[in-house]
N, C-alpha and C. Protein backbone atom coordinates (compact mmCIF):
# COMPACT_ATOMS: atom_id res chain seq x y z
N MET A 1 -173.43 114.37 30.95
CA MET A 1 -172.22 115.18 31.10
C MET A 1 -171.90 115.81 29.76
N ASP A 2 -171.37 117.00 29.84
CA ASP A 2 -171.04 117.77 28.64
C ASP A 2 -169.57 117.62 28.29
N LEU A 3 -169.16 118.03 27.12
CA LEU A 3 -167.79 117.83 26.65
C LEU A 3 -167.27 119.07 26.00
N ILE A 4 -166.09 119.45 26.42
CA ILE A 4 -165.33 120.52 25.74
C ILE A 4 -164.13 119.83 25.02
N ARG A 5 -163.86 120.22 23.82
CA ARG A 5 -162.76 119.66 23.06
C ARG A 5 -161.80 120.80 22.67
N ILE A 6 -160.54 120.52 22.85
CA ILE A 6 -159.46 121.35 22.31
C ILE A 6 -158.69 120.42 21.42
N THR A 7 -158.66 120.74 20.11
CA THR A 7 -158.13 119.83 19.11
C THR A 7 -156.89 120.37 18.41
N ASP A 8 -155.90 119.49 18.34
CA ASP A 8 -154.66 119.76 17.60
C ASP A 8 -153.91 121.01 18.05
N LEU A 9 -153.87 121.21 19.33
CA LEU A 9 -153.03 122.31 19.88
C LEU A 9 -151.58 121.87 19.66
N THR A 10 -150.89 122.60 18.83
CA THR A 10 -149.51 122.24 18.41
C THR A 10 -148.55 123.24 19.02
N LEU A 11 -147.64 122.71 19.83
CA LEU A 11 -146.68 123.58 20.54
C LEU A 11 -145.27 122.97 20.42
N ASP A 12 -144.30 123.83 20.29
CA ASP A 12 -142.92 123.36 20.34
C ASP A 12 -142.46 123.29 21.77
N CYS A 13 -141.97 122.09 22.17
CA CYS A 13 -141.54 121.94 23.56
C CYS A 13 -140.33 121.01 23.60
N LEU A 14 -139.70 120.99 24.76
CA LEU A 14 -138.55 120.14 25.01
C LEU A 14 -139.09 118.90 25.69
N ILE A 15 -139.02 117.77 24.97
CA ILE A 15 -139.54 116.52 25.50
C ILE A 15 -138.70 115.37 24.94
N GLY A 16 -138.38 114.39 25.75
CA GLY A 16 -137.64 113.23 25.27
C GLY A 16 -136.60 112.74 26.27
N VAL A 17 -136.26 111.50 26.14
CA VAL A 17 -135.33 110.87 27.08
C VAL A 17 -133.92 110.80 26.51
N TYR A 18 -133.75 110.88 25.20
CA TYR A 18 -132.48 110.77 24.58
C TYR A 18 -131.81 112.09 24.41
N PRO A 19 -130.46 112.12 24.48
CA PRO A 19 -129.76 113.40 24.36
C PRO A 19 -130.10 114.19 23.09
N HIS A 20 -130.26 113.53 21.96
CA HIS A 20 -130.61 114.27 20.73
C HIS A 20 -132.01 114.90 20.83
N GLU A 21 -132.89 114.37 21.68
CA GLU A 21 -134.20 114.95 21.86
C GLU A 21 -134.17 116.16 22.72
N ARG A 22 -133.11 116.30 23.50
CA ARG A 22 -133.01 117.44 24.45
C ARG A 22 -132.30 118.65 23.81
N GLU A 23 -131.85 118.50 22.56
CA GLU A 23 -131.06 119.58 21.94
C GLU A 23 -131.94 120.72 21.42
N GLN A 24 -133.14 120.42 21.03
CA GLN A 24 -134.02 121.50 20.49
C GLN A 24 -135.45 121.17 20.74
N ARG A 25 -136.27 122.20 20.74
CA ARG A 25 -137.72 121.99 20.88
C ARG A 25 -138.29 121.36 19.61
N ARG A 26 -139.30 120.52 19.87
CA ARG A 26 -139.93 119.81 18.73
C ARG A 26 -141.44 119.93 18.91
N PRO A 27 -142.18 119.79 17.81
CA PRO A 27 -143.65 119.97 17.89
C PRO A 27 -144.25 118.79 18.70
N LEU A 28 -145.26 119.13 19.43
CA LEU A 28 -146.09 118.15 20.17
C LEU A 28 -147.53 118.54 19.92
N VAL A 29 -148.37 117.57 19.50
CA VAL A 29 -149.76 117.83 19.20
C VAL A 29 -150.59 117.30 20.35
N ILE A 30 -151.42 118.23 20.90
CA ILE A 30 -152.23 117.89 22.09
C ILE A 30 -153.70 117.96 21.78
N ASN A 31 -154.43 116.93 22.20
CA ASN A 31 -155.88 116.93 22.06
C ASN A 31 -156.49 116.66 23.44
N LEU A 32 -157.48 117.48 23.80
CA LEU A 32 -158.14 117.34 25.11
C LEU A 32 -159.63 117.11 24.90
N GLU A 33 -160.18 116.20 25.67
CA GLU A 33 -161.62 116.03 25.79
C GLU A 33 -161.94 116.16 27.27
N ILE A 34 -162.66 117.18 27.63
CA ILE A 34 -162.91 117.51 29.01
C ILE A 34 -164.41 117.35 29.32
N GLN A 35 -164.73 116.42 30.20
CA GLN A 35 -166.12 116.27 30.66
C GLN A 35 -166.35 117.21 31.82
N ALA A 36 -167.40 118.03 31.68
CA ALA A 36 -167.70 119.00 32.69
C ALA A 36 -169.19 119.34 32.66
N ASN A 37 -169.68 119.89 33.74
CA ASN A 37 -171.04 120.37 33.80
C ASN A 37 -171.13 121.79 33.23
N LEU A 38 -171.60 121.89 32.01
CA LEU A 38 -171.74 123.16 31.34
C LEU A 38 -173.11 123.74 31.44
N GLN A 39 -174.01 123.05 32.04
CA GLN A 39 -175.42 123.43 32.09
C GLN A 39 -175.67 124.85 32.66
N PRO A 40 -175.04 125.23 33.76
CA PRO A 40 -175.32 126.58 34.23
C PRO A 40 -175.09 127.64 33.15
N GLY A 41 -174.03 127.50 32.39
CA GLY A 41 -173.75 128.48 31.33
C GLY A 41 -174.73 128.39 30.18
N THR A 42 -175.21 127.18 29.89
CA THR A 42 -176.17 127.09 28.80
C THR A 42 -177.49 127.75 29.12
N ARG A 43 -177.76 127.93 30.42
CA ARG A 43 -179.02 128.59 30.82
C ARG A 43 -178.85 130.08 30.97
N THR A 44 -177.70 130.55 31.41
CA THR A 44 -177.51 131.96 31.68
C THR A 44 -176.83 132.70 30.50
N ASP A 45 -176.15 131.92 29.62
CA ASP A 45 -175.37 132.52 28.52
C ASP A 45 -174.27 133.41 29.04
N ARG A 46 -173.70 133.08 30.19
CA ARG A 46 -172.61 133.88 30.77
C ARG A 46 -171.38 132.97 30.97
N VAL A 47 -170.24 133.50 30.53
CA VAL A 47 -169.01 132.70 30.59
C VAL A 47 -168.63 132.43 32.07
N GLU A 48 -169.06 133.26 33.02
CA GLU A 48 -168.76 133.02 34.40
C GLU A 48 -169.41 131.76 34.94
N ASP A 49 -170.45 131.32 34.21
CA ASP A 49 -171.25 130.13 34.69
C ASP A 49 -170.89 128.85 33.95
N THR A 50 -169.77 128.87 33.24
CA THR A 50 -169.36 127.68 32.52
C THR A 50 -167.86 127.46 32.70
N LEU A 51 -167.34 126.51 32.00
CA LEU A 51 -165.90 126.25 32.01
C LEU A 51 -165.31 126.94 30.80
N SER A 52 -164.38 127.83 31.01
CA SER A 52 -163.81 128.62 29.93
C SER A 52 -162.74 127.80 29.21
N TYR A 53 -163.00 127.44 27.95
CA TYR A 53 -161.95 126.74 27.23
C TYR A 53 -160.77 127.64 26.90
N GLU A 54 -160.99 128.92 26.87
CA GLU A 54 -159.86 129.89 26.70
C GLU A 54 -158.90 129.76 27.88
N GLU A 55 -159.50 129.72 29.07
CA GLU A 55 -158.64 129.58 30.30
C GLU A 55 -157.88 128.24 30.29
N ILE A 56 -158.56 127.19 29.96
CA ILE A 56 -157.91 125.87 29.89
C ILE A 56 -156.78 125.91 28.88
N HIS A 57 -157.09 126.45 27.69
CA HIS A 57 -156.07 126.54 26.64
C HIS A 57 -154.86 127.30 27.13
N ASN A 58 -155.09 128.46 27.70
CA ASN A 58 -153.95 129.28 28.16
C ASN A 58 -153.13 128.58 29.21
N GLU A 59 -153.77 127.93 30.17
CA GLU A 59 -153.05 127.21 31.23
C GLU A 59 -152.25 126.05 30.70
N VAL A 60 -152.85 125.26 29.81
CA VAL A 60 -152.15 124.12 29.21
C VAL A 60 -151.00 124.61 28.32
N ARG A 61 -151.24 125.60 27.57
CA ARG A 61 -150.20 126.17 26.68
C ARG A 61 -148.98 126.65 27.55
N ASP A 62 -149.25 127.37 28.61
CA ASP A 62 -148.18 127.86 29.49
C ASP A 62 -147.42 126.67 30.12
N LEU A 63 -148.12 125.69 30.58
CA LEU A 63 -147.50 124.55 31.20
C LEU A 63 -146.58 123.82 30.21
N VAL A 64 -147.09 123.56 29.04
CA VAL A 64 -146.31 122.81 28.04
C VAL A 64 -145.08 123.57 27.56
N LEU A 65 -145.29 124.88 27.28
CA LEU A 65 -144.19 125.66 26.74
C LEU A 65 -143.03 125.84 27.76
N HIS A 66 -143.34 125.73 29.02
CA HIS A 66 -142.29 125.95 30.05
C HIS A 66 -141.87 124.59 30.70
N SER A 67 -142.31 123.50 30.13
CA SER A 67 -141.96 122.18 30.72
C SER A 67 -140.66 121.66 30.09
N GLU A 68 -140.06 120.73 30.81
CA GLU A 68 -138.88 120.04 30.34
C GLU A 68 -138.93 118.58 30.75
N TYR A 69 -140.11 117.99 30.61
CA TYR A 69 -140.25 116.59 30.98
C TYR A 69 -139.45 115.68 30.02
N ALA A 70 -139.01 114.54 30.55
CA ALA A 70 -138.36 113.55 29.71
C ALA A 70 -139.45 112.65 29.07
N LEU A 71 -140.44 112.26 29.82
CA LEU A 71 -141.46 111.35 29.34
C LEU A 71 -142.71 112.13 28.92
N ILE A 72 -143.24 111.76 27.78
CA ILE A 72 -144.48 112.36 27.29
C ILE A 72 -145.60 111.97 28.24
N GLU A 73 -145.50 110.78 28.88
CA GLU A 73 -146.52 110.34 29.84
C GLU A 73 -146.59 111.27 31.03
N ALA A 74 -145.45 111.72 31.51
CA ALA A 74 -145.41 112.66 32.64
C ALA A 74 -146.00 113.99 32.32
N LEU A 75 -145.69 114.47 31.11
CA LEU A 75 -146.25 115.73 30.68
C LEU A 75 -147.78 115.60 30.54
N ALA A 76 -148.25 114.51 29.96
CA ALA A 76 -149.70 114.29 29.82
C ALA A 76 -150.41 114.28 31.16
N GLU A 77 -149.76 113.64 32.16
CA GLU A 77 -150.32 113.61 33.51
C GLU A 77 -150.39 115.00 34.10
N ALA A 78 -149.36 115.84 33.87
CA ALA A 78 -149.37 117.24 34.34
C ALA A 78 -150.50 118.03 33.69
N VAL A 79 -150.72 117.82 32.39
CA VAL A 79 -151.79 118.48 31.70
C VAL A 79 -153.18 118.02 32.27
N ALA A 80 -153.32 116.75 32.49
CA ALA A 80 -154.57 116.25 33.12
C ALA A 80 -154.79 116.93 34.46
N ASP A 81 -153.80 117.01 35.28
CA ASP A 81 -153.91 117.62 36.62
C ASP A 81 -154.29 119.11 36.48
N CYS A 82 -153.72 119.75 35.49
CA CYS A 82 -154.03 121.18 35.22
C CYS A 82 -155.55 121.34 34.93
N CYS A 83 -156.07 120.45 34.15
CA CYS A 83 -157.49 120.54 33.79
C CYS A 83 -158.38 120.18 35.02
N LEU A 84 -157.97 119.16 35.77
CA LEU A 84 -158.79 118.70 36.83
C LEU A 84 -158.83 119.66 38.03
N HIS A 85 -157.96 120.64 38.07
CA HIS A 85 -158.01 121.63 39.16
C HIS A 85 -159.21 122.53 39.05
N HIS A 86 -159.86 122.54 37.89
CA HIS A 86 -161.11 123.32 37.74
C HIS A 86 -162.25 122.54 38.30
N PRO A 87 -163.01 123.12 39.22
CA PRO A 87 -164.06 122.38 39.93
C PRO A 87 -165.15 121.79 39.04
N ARG A 88 -165.42 122.40 37.88
CA ARG A 88 -166.48 121.88 37.01
C ARG A 88 -166.05 120.63 36.20
N VAL A 89 -164.74 120.36 36.17
CA VAL A 89 -164.21 119.24 35.36
C VAL A 89 -164.41 117.97 36.13
N HIS A 90 -165.04 116.97 35.46
CA HIS A 90 -165.20 115.64 36.08
C HIS A 90 -164.15 114.69 35.61
N SER A 91 -163.78 114.78 34.34
CA SER A 91 -162.72 113.90 33.77
C SER A 91 -162.11 114.56 32.58
N VAL A 92 -160.92 114.11 32.20
CA VAL A 92 -160.24 114.64 31.02
C VAL A 92 -159.50 113.51 30.35
N ARG A 93 -159.59 113.55 29.01
CA ARG A 93 -158.79 112.63 28.18
C ARG A 93 -157.72 113.48 27.49
N VAL A 94 -156.45 113.11 27.74
CA VAL A 94 -155.34 113.87 27.15
C VAL A 94 -154.66 112.95 26.17
N ARG A 95 -154.56 113.42 24.94
CA ARG A 95 -153.84 112.68 23.92
C ARG A 95 -152.66 113.59 23.45
N MET A 96 -151.46 113.02 23.46
CA MET A 96 -150.26 113.77 22.98
C MET A 96 -149.53 112.94 21.96
N ASP A 97 -149.24 113.59 20.86
CA ASP A 97 -148.49 112.93 19.78
C ASP A 97 -147.26 113.69 19.40
N LYS A 98 -146.19 112.96 19.20
CA LYS A 98 -144.96 113.51 18.65
C LYS A 98 -144.92 113.17 17.13
N PRO A 99 -145.16 114.19 16.32
CA PRO A 99 -145.20 113.93 14.86
C PRO A 99 -143.83 113.55 14.31
N ALA A 100 -143.84 112.67 13.33
CA ALA A 100 -142.64 112.32 12.60
C ALA A 100 -141.50 111.87 13.48
N ILE A 101 -141.78 111.23 14.61
CA ILE A 101 -140.73 110.80 15.50
C ILE A 101 -139.98 109.60 14.90
N PHE A 102 -140.65 108.84 14.04
CA PHE A 102 -140.03 107.78 13.29
C PHE A 102 -140.29 108.02 11.83
N SER A 103 -139.41 107.61 10.97
CA SER A 103 -139.54 107.90 9.53
C SER A 103 -140.74 107.22 8.90
N ASP A 104 -141.21 106.14 9.48
CA ASP A 104 -142.29 105.36 8.82
C ASP A 104 -143.63 105.49 9.51
N VAL A 105 -143.85 106.44 10.41
CA VAL A 105 -145.12 106.64 11.05
C VAL A 105 -145.47 108.12 11.07
N HIS A 106 -146.74 108.42 11.06
CA HIS A 106 -147.18 109.81 11.14
C HIS A 106 -146.83 110.44 12.49
N SER A 107 -147.10 109.70 13.56
CA SER A 107 -146.78 110.20 14.91
C SER A 107 -146.83 109.02 15.90
N ALA A 108 -146.25 109.26 17.06
CA ALA A 108 -146.34 108.32 18.17
C ALA A 108 -146.68 109.11 19.41
N GLY A 109 -147.45 108.52 20.32
CA GLY A 109 -147.86 109.26 21.47
C GLY A 109 -148.55 108.44 22.52
N VAL A 110 -149.20 109.15 23.44
CA VAL A 110 -149.90 108.51 24.53
C VAL A 110 -151.29 109.13 24.67
N GLU A 111 -152.16 108.39 25.36
CA GLU A 111 -153.50 108.90 25.69
C GLU A 111 -153.83 108.46 27.09
N LEU A 112 -154.16 109.45 27.94
CA LEU A 112 -154.53 109.22 29.34
C LEU A 112 -155.93 109.66 29.57
N LEU A 113 -156.65 108.89 30.40
CA LEU A 113 -157.98 109.31 30.86
C LEU A 113 -157.90 109.41 32.38
N ARG A 114 -158.21 110.59 32.90
CA ARG A 114 -158.12 110.84 34.29
C ARG A 114 -159.43 111.45 34.79
N GLY A 115 -159.82 111.09 36.00
CA GLY A 115 -161.05 111.64 36.57
C GLY A 115 -160.80 112.18 37.96
N ARG A 116 -161.72 112.98 38.38
CA ARG A 116 -161.66 113.53 39.74
C ARG A 116 -161.80 112.37 40.74
N PRO A 117 -160.99 112.32 41.73
CA PRO A 117 -161.06 111.24 42.72
C PRO A 117 -162.47 111.23 43.37
N THR A 118 -163.02 110.03 43.56
CA THR A 118 -164.30 109.95 44.21
C THR A 118 -164.13 110.07 45.74
N GLN A 119 -165.06 110.70 46.37
CA GLN A 119 -164.98 110.87 47.81
C GLN A 119 -165.87 109.84 48.47
N GLY A 120 -165.41 109.25 49.55
CA GLY A 120 -166.23 108.29 50.14
C GLY A 120 -165.54 107.70 51.30
């Protein structure tokens, strides 16, 4: 299986459960590892035959910028679902970090691994 990575996508979004977190947008750092079959594109050298990381980037960016989730876990799940709607995607690892959320740590966040449901 092949892997596409989108690393350190940093977006300002509204996220958090506490009232002070809902007052203004804060940075969120997103990392994606997407397992997909990229082989058709490696053979034809045509973007139509592969998974476009530009398309994934644009969809995730739009989702996050317009979201108002309370839980970072819920937003990460929505991002995973967004990636998995592409037929070539077999699984996705979504890591989200809130930088400087506490004074004594670099960031805090979550990591989810989601796969396409097996049919049977």
